[in-house]
Amino acid sequence: MSYKDDLKKWVLQAVEANGGTANLVEVAKHVWAHHENDLRAHGDGFYTWQYDMRWAAQDLRDDGIFVAADQAPRGIWQKRAMAA
């Protein structure tokens, strides 16, 4: 799995762990707490992961997994409710 795919997975896990809604700091804390060693192993990614996770969240929005930015409170990443 690529670094980009890892970050998308980790951002999604962080939002889910926070009840489906989280802000940037909550996501960063969760990712760091659960994937510090993985981040350190990603070479240059270690220095850019907090920037890169914003793009991962945008990808999750583009994929329809997260609510669009204009439909969620400012600064909040929110998982879209999936139809059963």
C-alpha atoms as a PDB file:
ATOM      1  CA  MET A   1       0.000   0.000   0.000  1.00  0.00           C
ATOM      2  CA  SER A   2       1.308   3.455  -0.822  1.00  0.00           C
ATOM      3  CA  TYR A   3       1.937   6.274   1.613  1.00  0.00           C
ATOM      4  CA  LYS A   4      -1.022   8.183   0.108  1.00  0.00           C
ATOM      5  CA  ASP A   5      -3.325   5.178   0.563  1.00  0.00           C
ATOM      6  CA  ASP A   6      -2.066   4.678   4.113  1.00  0.00           C
ATOM      7  CA  LEU A   7      -2.865   8.281   5.008  1.00  0.00           C
ATOM      8  CA  LYS A   8      -6.367   8.039   3.555  1.00  0.00           C
ATOM      9  CA  LYS A   9      -6.994   4.894   5.601  1.00  0.00           C
ATOM     10  CA  TRP A  10      -5.578   6.456   8.771  1.00  0.00           C
ATOM     11  CA  VAL A  11      -7.561   9.702   8.378  1.00  0.00           C
ATOM     12  CA  LEU A  12     -10.747   7.703   7.869  1.00  0.00           C
ATOM     13  CA  GLN A  13      -9.981   5.557  10.918  1.00  0.00           C
ATOM     14  CA  ALA A  14      -9.357   8.673  13.012  1.00  0.00           C
ATOM     15  CA  VAL A  15     -12.661  10.261  12.009  1.00  0.00           C
ATOM     16  CA  GLU A  16     -14.526   7.006  12.634  1.00  0.00           C
ATOM     17  CA  ALA A  17     -12.867   6.643  16.049  1.00  0.00           C
ATOM     18  CA  ASN A  18     -14.162  10.117  16.906  1.00  0.00           C
ATOM     19  CA  GLY A  19     -17.766   9.215  16.131  1.00  0.00           C
ATOM     20  CA  GLY A  20     -17.700  10.167  12.444  1.00  0.00           C
ATOM     21  CA  THR A  21     -16.754  13.832  12.897  1.00  0.00           C
ATOM     22  CA  ALA A  22     -13.369  15.300  13.786  1.00  0.00           C
ATOM     23  CA  ASN A  23     -11.268  18.407  13.395  1.00  0.00           C
ATOM     24  CA  LEU A  24      -7.711  18.532  12.135  1.00  0.00           C
ATOM     25  CA  VAL A  25      -6.091  18.367  15.571  1.00  0.00           C
ATOM     26  CA  GLU A  26      -8.190  15.382  16.651  1.00  0.00           C
ATOM     27  CA  VAL A  27      -7.244  13.534  13.470  1.00  0.00           C
ATOM     28  CA  ALA A  28      -3.552  14.419  13.801  1.00  0.00           C
ATOM     29  CA  LYS A  29      -3.457  13.237  17.426  1.00  0.00           C
ATOM     30  CA  HIS A  30      -5.110   9.946  16.504  1.00  0.00           C
ATOM     31  CA  VAL A  31      -2.851   9.326  13.516  1.00  0.00           C
ATOM     32  CA  TRP A  32       0.255  10.104  15.586  1.00  0.00           C
ATOM     33  CA  ALA A  33      -0.880   7.950  18.515  1.00  0.00           C
ATOM     34  CA  HIS A  34      -1.577   4.934  16.304  1.00  0.00           C
ATOM     35  CA  HIS A  35       0.932   5.295  13.450  1.00  0.00           C
ATOM     36  CA  GLU A  36       3.989   7.153  14.761  1.00  0.00           C
ATOM     37  CA  ASN A  37       6.329   4.336  13.762  1.00  0.00           C
ATOM     38  CA  ASP A  38       4.736   4.066  10.308  1.00  0.00           C
ATOM     39  CA  LEU A  39       5.118   7.814   9.799  1.00  0.00           C
ATOM     40  CA  ARG A  40       8.749   7.731  10.864  1.00  0.00           C
ATOM     41  CA  ALA A  41       9.380   4.936   8.351  1.00  0.00           C
ATOM     42  CA  HIS A  42       8.014   6.974   5.429  1.00  0.00           C
ATOM     43  CA  GLY A  43      11.202   8.994   4.857  1.00  0.00           C
ATOM     44  CA  ASP A  44      10.292  12.494   3.684  1.00  0.00           C
ATOM     45  CA  GLY A  45       6.645  11.749   4.495  1.00  0.00           C
ATOM     46  CA  PHE A  46       7.563  12.063   8.143  1.00  0.00           C
ATOM     47  CA  TYR A  47       8.150  15.766   7.592  1.00  0.00           C
ATOM     48  CA  THR A  48       5.025  16.379   5.513  1.00  0.00           C
ATOM     49  CA  TRP A  49       2.399  14.030   6.955  1.00  0.00           C
ATOM     50  CA  GLN A  50       0.235  16.739   8.564  1.00  0.00           C
ATOM     51  CA  TYR A  51       0.079  18.585   5.248  1.00  0.00           C
ATOM     52  CA  ASP A  52      -0.431  15.343   3.338  1.00  0.00           C
ATOM     53  CA  MET A  53      -3.313  14.223   5.548  1.00  0.00           C
ATOM     54  CA  ARG A  54      -5.256  17.326   4.438  1.00  0.00           C
ATOM     55  CA  TRP A  55      -4.968  16.072   0.858  1.00  0.00           C
ATOM     56  CA  ALA A  56      -6.012  12.611   2.043  1.00  0.00           C
ATOM     57  CA  ALA A  57      -9.140  14.178   3.553  1.00  0.00           C
ATOM     58  CA  GLN A  58      -9.805  15.982   0.257  1.00  0.00           C
ATOM     59  CA  ASP A  59      -9.458  12.686  -1.584  1.00  0.00           C
ATOM     60  CA  LEU A  60     -11.981  11.148   0.836  1.00  0.00           C
ATOM     61  CA  ARG A  61     -14.341  14.020   0.040  1.00  0.00           C
ATOM     62  CA  ASP A  62     -13.796  13.536  -3.692  1.00  0.00           C
ATOM     63  CA  ASP A  63     -14.500   9.807  -3.251  1.00  0.00           C
ATOM     64  CA  GLY A  64     -17.808  10.608  -1.503  1.00  0.00           C
ATOM     65  CA  ILE A  65     -16.696   9.103   1.805  1.00  0.00           C
ATOM     66  CA  PHE A  66     -16.520  12.466   3.601  1.00  0.00           C
ATOM     67  CA  VAL A  67     -19.134  15.192   3.399  1.00  0.00           C
ATOM     68  CA  ALA A  68     -18.195  18.008   1.007  1.00  0.00           C
ATOM     69  CA  ALA A  69     -16.479  20.998   2.601  1.00  0.00           C
ATOM     70  CA  ASP A  70     -19.436  23.289   1.876  1.00  0.00           C
ATOM     71  CA  GLN A  71     -21.808  20.862   3.621  1.00  0.00           C
ATOM     72  CA  ALA A  72     -19.855  20.434   6.865  1.00  0.00           C
ATOM     73  CA  PRO A  73     -18.968  22.913   9.587  1.00  0.00           C
ATOM     74  CA  ARG A  74     -15.763  24.831   8.873  1.00  0.00           C
ATOM     75  CA  GLY A  75     -12.673  22.897   9.895  1.00  0.00           C
ATOM     76  CA  ILE A  76     -14.565  19.629  10.382  1.00  0.00           C
ATOM     77  CA  TRP A  77     -14.090  16.378   8.534  1.00  0.00           C
ATOM     78  CA  GLN A  78     -17.277  14.369   8.613  1.00  0.00           C
ATOM     79  CA  LYS A  79     -17.946  10.884   7.334  1.00  0.00           C
ATOM     80  CA  ARG A  80     -20.941  10.683   5.035  1.00  0.00           C
ATOM     81  CA  ALA A  81     -23.756   8.446   6.283  1.00  0.00           C
ATOM     82  CA  MET A  82     -23.882   5.472   3.976  1.00  0.00           C
ATOM     83  CA  ALA A  83     -27.236   4.180   2.800  1.00  0.00           C
ATOM     84  CA  ALA A  84     -28.077   0.674   3.960  1.00  0.00           C
END
